[in-house]
Amino acid sequence: MTVSTKPRIRYRGNQVVRAQYEGASTKRRMAGKGTTVTGPNAPIERNLATLVARSHNAIRNNAYAAAAKEKYISNLVGTGIKPQWGDATIQALWDQWAGECDADGVDNFYGLQSLAAGSQFEAGEALARIRYRRTSDGLSVPMQLQVIEPEHLDPTYSQAYGGRLIKMGIEFNGIGQRSAYHLWRFHPHERLTSEINERVPVPADNVVHMYRRGRPGQHQRLVCGRQFVPVDGDAVERLGAGELEAVVRAVRPGLRERDGGRGHVRRALVGGVRGRVAVSGSGVGHAVRDELLDGSAVAR
């Protein structure tokens, strides 16, 4: 006969000491982790600018991040998502407008698709303004598209006055629909136009805001690489010998130690992370160097 005993639950006053769910535990293993309760927009409002800046920096300086962006664009739009019309006249009109739709006069419609997809990957979202033109401008359709960077929409601009509600640069009407986007006239980080820059309310019908909502009520999107934390050479230098060996063996499980020179492992790994390898002598340092540089995994 098996007797099962229920786990004891201790009380401290009116509080239960032991949590009923492991995820709600307040013991040392879980203490202080993920206990901040926030809405869908407050973390974005506080952290979006820093995350986007780091994403831009990673894609400028990291070949892997840049390649990931190009792969994302290629998988999402390829050479362009091209509609096929059943009417030859409409198809001819579409093809003509697709070549002149860029308000900047640089890309065609399919180039704008790639531009928007890249912005969505890099900054989490993409913005475009619909620009209506005069018939005297000679366009096949008096309308153009202008793709702008999401930084034109300030996530910290929130106000409530006179019955108007503006959240993260987006104005909402009385029934919660988007009525206007308060966009910077010029890019907020361009020094040349910083002194004459101002916010301009643009009707929501004239703005294309492309992003994927992660939570109900979310107004803007976090960048795709928000959870990536780069490891630099200084961080590697602070690792102990055992930790270094574990890192190297995790990267290259087949690596075998040929002598006890763990200092060479440290220098080789640091050099590999920084894009250079400066190892003197032979032994483990050369083995690690060869493994890190195998297949041109590290820039020479």
Protein backbone atom coordinates (compact mmCIF):
# COMPACT_ATOMS: atom_id res chain seq x y z
CA MET A 1 0.00 0.00 0.00
CA THR A 2 1.45 3.32 -1.08
CA VAL A 3 0.76 6.39 0.98
CA SER A 4 1.15 9.74 -0.77
CA THR A 5 1.57 12.87 1.27
CA LYS A 6 0.65 16.30 0.05
CA PRO A 7 3.43 18.90 0.05
CA ARG A 8 3.27 21.16 3.03
CA ILE A 9 2.30 24.75 2.35
CA ARG A 10 3.53 27.25 4.91
CA TYR A 11 1.85 30.56 5.58
CA ARG A 12 3.39 33.83 6.59
CA GLY A 13 0.52 35.90 7.86
CA ASN A 14 -2.06 35.66 5.08
CA GLN A 15 0.53 34.95 2.39
CA VAL A 16 1.30 31.52 1.00
CA VAL A 17 5.05 30.97 1.07
CA ARG A 18 5.11 28.21 -1.52
CA ALA A 19 3.71 29.05 -4.96
CA GLN A 20 1.13 26.77 -6.53
CA TYR A 21 2.86 27.19 -9.92
CA GLU A 22 6.60 26.88 -10.47
CA GLY A 23 6.44 29.88 -12.78
CA ALA A 24 5.10 32.01 -9.90
CA SER A 25 7.84 30.98 -7.49
CA THR A 26 9.73 33.74 -5.66
CA LYS A 27 12.65 31.57 -4.59
CA ARG A 28 16.22 32.33 -5.57
CA ARG A 29 15.97 30.61 -8.95
CA MET A 30 13.05 32.80 -10.09
CA ALA A 31 13.35 35.84 -7.84
CA GLY A 32 13.14 39.12 -9.72
CA LYS A 33 12.73 37.54 -13.15
CA GLY A 34 9.90 38.75 -15.34
CA THR A 35 7.75 40.07 -12.52
CA THR A 36 7.18 43.55 -13.98
CA VAL A 37 3.61 43.90 -15.21
CA THR A 38 3.29 46.14 -18.27
CA GLY A 39 0.86 46.88 -21.04
CA PRO A 40 1.57 46.14 -24.70
CA ASN A 41 3.06 49.57 -25.43
CA ALA A 42 4.96 50.79 -22.35
CA PRO A 43 8.10 48.62 -22.93
CA ILE A 44 8.16 49.61 -26.60
CA GLU A 45 7.83 53.30 -25.75
CA ARG A 46 10.80 53.11 -23.37
CA ASN A 47 13.14 50.86 -25.35
CA LEU A 48 12.31 51.16 -29.05
CA ALA A 49 14.78 53.93 -29.87
CA THR A 50 17.71 52.04 -28.32
CA LEU A 51 16.74 48.73 -29.93
CA VAL A 52 16.42 50.31 -33.38
CA ALA A 53 19.77 52.10 -33.01
CA ARG A 54 21.49 48.83 -32.10
CA SER A 55 19.77 47.05 -34.96
CA HIS A 56 21.03 49.68 -37.42
CA ASN A 57 24.52 49.34 -35.96
CA ALA A 58 24.48 45.54 -36.22
CA ILE A 59 23.43 45.59 -39.87
CA ARG A 60 26.05 48.23 -40.69
CA ASN A 61 28.91 46.37 -39.03
CA ASN A 62 27.97 42.69 -38.84
CA ALA A 63 28.04 40.65 -42.03
CA TYR A 64 25.76 38.00 -40.55
CA ALA A 65 23.10 40.56 -39.60
CA ALA A 66 23.30 42.15 -43.05
CA ALA A 67 23.00 38.74 -44.71
CA ALA A 68 19.99 37.90 -42.52
CA LYS A 69 18.28 41.09 -43.69
CA GLU A 70 18.94 40.29 -47.34
CA LYS A 71 17.67 36.74 -46.85
CA TYR A 72 14.51 38.05 -45.19
CA ILE A 73 13.83 40.40 -48.11
CA SER A 74 14.50 37.64 -50.61
CA ASN A 75 12.15 35.20 -48.88
CA LEU A 76 9.39 37.76 -48.35
CA VAL A 77 9.19 39.60 -51.68
CA GLY A 78 11.87 38.09 -53.91
CA THR A 79 12.03 40.14 -57.11
CA GLY A 80 8.62 41.62 -56.33
CA ILE A 81 5.02 40.59 -55.64
CA LYS A 82 3.53 41.29 -59.05
CA PRO A 83 -0.25 41.38 -59.61
CA GLN A 84 -1.61 39.97 -62.85
CA TRP A 85 -4.73 41.71 -64.12
CA GLY A 86 -7.26 39.98 -66.32
CA ASP A 87 -7.75 43.11 -68.42
CA ALA A 88 -4.93 44.07 -70.78
CA THR A 89 -5.69 47.80 -70.49
CA ILE A 90 -5.54 47.73 -66.69
CA GLN A 91 -2.36 45.64 -66.82
CA ALA A 92 -0.70 48.18 -69.12
CA LEU A 93 -1.79 51.04 -66.85
CA TRP A 94 -0.47 49.19 -63.78
CA ASP A 95 2.88 48.47 -65.40
CA GLN A 96 3.26 52.12 -66.33
CA TRP A 97 2.35 53.37 -62.85
CA ALA A 98 4.60 50.77 -61.17
CA GLY A 99 7.57 52.40 -62.88
CA GLU A 100 6.74 55.93 -61.74
CA CYS A 101 5.12 55.38 -58.33
CA ASP A 102 8.16 56.26 -56.20
CA ALA A 103 7.84 59.80 -54.83
CA ASP A 104 11.65 59.92 -54.50
CA GLY A 105 12.04 59.00 -58.17
CA VAL A 106 14.52 56.18 -57.46
CA ASP A 107 12.73 52.80 -57.36
CA ASN A 108 9.78 51.18 -59.03
CA PHE A 109 6.92 49.57 -57.11
CA TYR A 110 8.83 46.33 -56.59
CA GLY A 111 11.89 48.18 -55.33
CA LEU A 112 9.66 49.89 -52.78
CA GLN A 113 8.48 46.47 -51.64
CA SER A 114 12.08 45.43 -50.95
CA LEU A 115 12.75 48.73 -49.20
CA ALA A 116 9.71 48.32 -46.95
CA ALA A 117 10.55 44.68 -46.17
CA GLY A 118 14.10 45.65 -45.22
CA SER A 119 12.80 48.40 -42.97
CA GLN A 120 10.44 45.97 -41.30
CA PHE A 121 13.31 43.58 -40.58
CA GLU A 122 15.70 46.26 -39.39
CA ALA A 123 13.33 48.51 -37.41
CA GLY A 124 10.35 46.24 -36.84
CA GLU A 125 8.00 48.25 -39.02
CA ALA A 126 7.76 50.25 -42.23
CA LEU A 127 6.01 53.51 -43.03
CA ALA A 128 4.85 54.91 -46.35
CA ARG A 129 2.95 58.07 -47.23
CA ILE A 130 0.46 58.25 -50.08
CA ARG A 131 1.20 61.38 -52.07
CA TYR A 132 -1.54 62.66 -54.35
CA ARG A 133 -0.34 64.66 -57.35
CA ARG A 134 -1.78 67.14 -59.77
CA THR A 135 -3.00 65.89 -63.11
CA SER A 136 -0.62 68.40 -64.68
CA ASP A 137 2.33 66.37 -63.34
CA GLY A 138 1.86 63.96 -66.22
CA LEU A 139 1.64 60.73 -64.22
CA SER A 140 -0.45 57.84 -65.49
CA VAL A 141 -2.15 57.81 -62.06
CA PRO A 142 -1.89 61.03 -60.00
CA MET A 143 -0.63 59.27 -56.91
CA GLN A 144 2.80 58.22 -55.62
CA LEU A 145 4.21 56.36 -52.62
CA GLN A 146 6.96 57.61 -50.34
CA VAL A 147 8.61 55.01 -48.08
CA ILE A 148 10.07 56.65 -44.97
CA GLU A 149 11.95 55.30 -41.99
CA PRO A 150 9.88 54.47 -38.88
CA GLU A 151 11.89 57.02 -36.88
CA HIS A 152 9.59 59.66 -38.40
CA LEU A 153 7.01 58.32 -35.92
CA ASP A 154 8.07 59.27 -32.39
CA PRO A 155 7.13 56.52 -29.88
CA THR A 156 7.58 58.94 -26.96
CA TYR A 157 5.05 61.48 -28.26
CA SER A 158 1.86 60.88 -26.26
CA GLN A 159 -0.73 63.46 -25.25
CA ALA A 160 -4.34 63.70 -24.15
CA TYR A 161 -6.05 67.08 -24.39
CA GLY A 162 -9.33 68.57 -25.58
CA GLY A 163 -10.88 65.18 -26.22
CA ARG A 164 -7.91 64.14 -28.41
CA LEU A 165 -5.79 61.10 -27.60
CA ILE A 166 -2.31 60.65 -29.07
CA LYS A 167 -0.41 57.47 -28.21
CA MET A 168 3.15 56.97 -29.44
CA GLY A 169 2.62 59.52 -32.22
CA ILE A 170 -0.67 58.00 -33.41
CA GLU A 171 -3.92 59.89 -32.88
CA PHE A 172 -7.13 57.97 -32.15
CA ASN A 173 -10.73 59.10 -32.46
CA GLY A 174 -13.54 58.55 -29.97
CA ILE A 175 -14.13 54.93 -31.00
CA GLY A 176 -10.47 53.93 -30.96
CA GLN A 177 -9.77 54.15 -34.68
CA ARG A 178 -6.58 55.71 -35.99
CA SER A 179 -7.30 59.16 -37.35
CA ALA A 180 -3.83 60.66 -37.87
CA TYR A 181 -0.11 60.00 -37.67
CA HIS A 182 2.06 62.78 -36.22
CA LEU A 183 5.20 62.40 -38.32
CA TRP A 184 8.41 64.39 -38.35
CA ARG A 185 8.65 66.40 -41.56
CA PHE A 186 12.32 65.42 -41.89
CA HIS A 187 14.25 62.52 -40.43
CA PRO A 188 14.77 63.37 -36.73
CA HIS A 189 18.41 62.24 -36.75
CA GLU A 190 19.58 64.28 -39.73
CA ARG A 191 21.55 67.26 -38.43
CA LEU A 192 21.07 69.47 -41.48
CA THR A 193 17.30 69.75 -41.00
CA SER A 194 17.11 69.37 -37.22
CA GLU A 195 16.51 73.07 -36.55
CA ILE A 196 13.58 73.37 -38.96
CA ASN A 197 12.06 69.97 -38.21
CA GLU A 198 8.48 69.76 -36.93
CA ARG A 199 5.74 67.19 -36.45
CA VAL A 200 3.05 67.15 -39.10
CA PRO A 201 -0.34 65.45 -38.58
CA VAL A 202 -1.00 63.21 -41.57
CA PRO A 203 -4.46 61.63 -42.02
CA ALA A 204 -4.35 57.91 -41.28
CA ASP A 205 -5.91 57.20 -44.68
CA ASN A 206 -2.74 58.57 -46.28
CA VAL A 207 -0.32 56.43 -44.26
CA VAL A 208 0.64 52.79 -44.77
CA HIS A 209 1.91 51.36 -41.48
CA MET A 210 3.31 47.86 -41.97
CA TYR A 211 4.06 45.89 -38.83
CA ARG A 212 2.96 42.72 -37.09
CA ARG A 213 1.16 43.06 -33.79
CA GLY A 214 2.47 40.79 -31.08
CA ARG A 215 -0.18 41.71 -28.50
CA PRO A 216 -3.72 43.12 -28.73
CA GLY A 217 -3.63 46.90 -28.57
CA GLN A 218 0.00 47.14 -29.64
CA HIS A 219 0.67 50.30 -31.66
CA GLN A 220 4.21 49.66 -32.90
CA ARG A 221 6.45 46.66 -33.37
CA LEU A 222 9.80 45.75 -31.82
CA VAL A 223 12.74 45.00 -34.08
CA CYS A 224 13.40 41.42 -35.15
CA GLY A 225 16.83 41.27 -33.46
CA ARG A 226 15.66 42.65 -30.10
CA GLN A 227 16.70 39.51 -28.19
CA PHE A 228 20.22 39.31 -29.65
CA VAL A 229 23.06 40.36 -27.35
CA PRO A 230 26.44 40.57 -29.12
CA VAL A 231 29.53 39.18 -27.41
CA ASP A 232 32.69 41.22 -27.88
CA GLY A 233 36.33 40.46 -27.27
CA ASP A 234 36.36 42.08 -23.82
CA ALA A 235 33.59 39.75 -22.68
CA VAL A 236 35.62 36.77 -23.87
CA GLU A 237 38.69 38.01 -22.00
CA ARG A 238 36.72 37.91 -18.76
CA LEU A 239 35.88 34.24 -19.15
CA GLY A 240 37.78 31.68 -17.13
CA ALA A 241 39.89 28.92 -18.65
CA GLY A 242 37.20 26.28 -18.10
CA GLU A 243 34.52 28.50 -19.59
CA LEU A 244 36.69 29.21 -22.61
CA GLU A 245 37.22 25.53 -23.23
CA ALA A 246 33.49 24.94 -22.97
CA VAL A 247 32.78 27.72 -25.48
CA VAL A 248 35.38 26.49 -27.94
CA ARG A 249 34.25 22.87 -27.68
CA ALA A 250 30.62 23.95 -28.12
CA VAL A 251 31.58 25.75 -31.34
CA ARG A 252 33.87 22.97 -32.55
CA PRO A 253 33.12 19.70 -30.73
CA GLY A 254 35.95 17.92 -32.56
CA LEU A 255 38.66 20.19 -31.21
CA ARG A 256 41.22 18.30 -29.12
CA GLU A 257 43.74 19.73 -26.74
CA ARG A 258 47.33 19.14 -27.80
CA ASP A 259 48.97 20.79 -24.81
CA GLY A 260 48.03 22.60 -21.65
CA GLY A 261 48.41 26.13 -22.97
CA ARG A 262 45.00 27.48 -22.05
CA GLY A 263 46.31 31.02 -22.40
CA HIS A 264 46.59 30.32 -26.13
CA VAL A 265 42.93 29.32 -26.16
CA ARG A 266 41.99 32.64 -24.63
CA ARG A 267 44.06 34.70 -27.07
CA ALA A 268 42.87 32.73 -30.06
CA LEU A 269 39.23 33.01 -29.12
CA VAL A 270 39.49 36.73 -28.34
CA GLY A 271 41.32 37.30 -31.61
CA GLY A 272 38.70 35.34 -33.50
CA VAL A 273 35.87 37.37 -32.03
CA ARG A 274 37.63 40.63 -32.82
CA GLY A 275 38.35 39.56 -36.37
CA ARG A 276 42.06 38.94 -35.90
CA VAL A 277 44.17 36.17 -34.42
CA ALA A 278 47.48 36.91 -32.74
CA VAL A 279 48.89 33.69 -31.35
CA SER A 280 52.52 32.94 -30.65
CA GLY A 281 53.95 29.47 -30.41
CA SER A 282 52.15 26.25 -31.18
CA GLY A 283 49.70 23.93 -29.54
CA VAL A 284 46.15 24.70 -28.52
CA GLY A 285 46.33 28.30 -29.71
CA HIS A 286 46.98 27.21 -33.29
CA ALA A 287 44.35 24.50 -33.06
CA VAL A 288 41.71 26.96 -31.91
CA ARG A 289 42.81 29.51 -34.48
CA ASP A 290 42.48 26.97 -37.26
CA GLU A 291 39.08 25.91 -36.02
CA LEU A 292 37.78 29.48 -35.72
CA LEU A 293 39.03 30.43 -39.16
CA ASP A 294 37.81 27.20 -40.79
CA GLY A 295 35.56 28.01 -43.71
CA SER A 296 36.28 31.75 -43.39
CA ALA A 297 33.89 31.90 -40.43
CA VAL A 298 35.84 34.84 -39.02
CA ALA A 299 36.95 37.81 -41.09
CA ARG A 300 40.70 37.93 -41.47
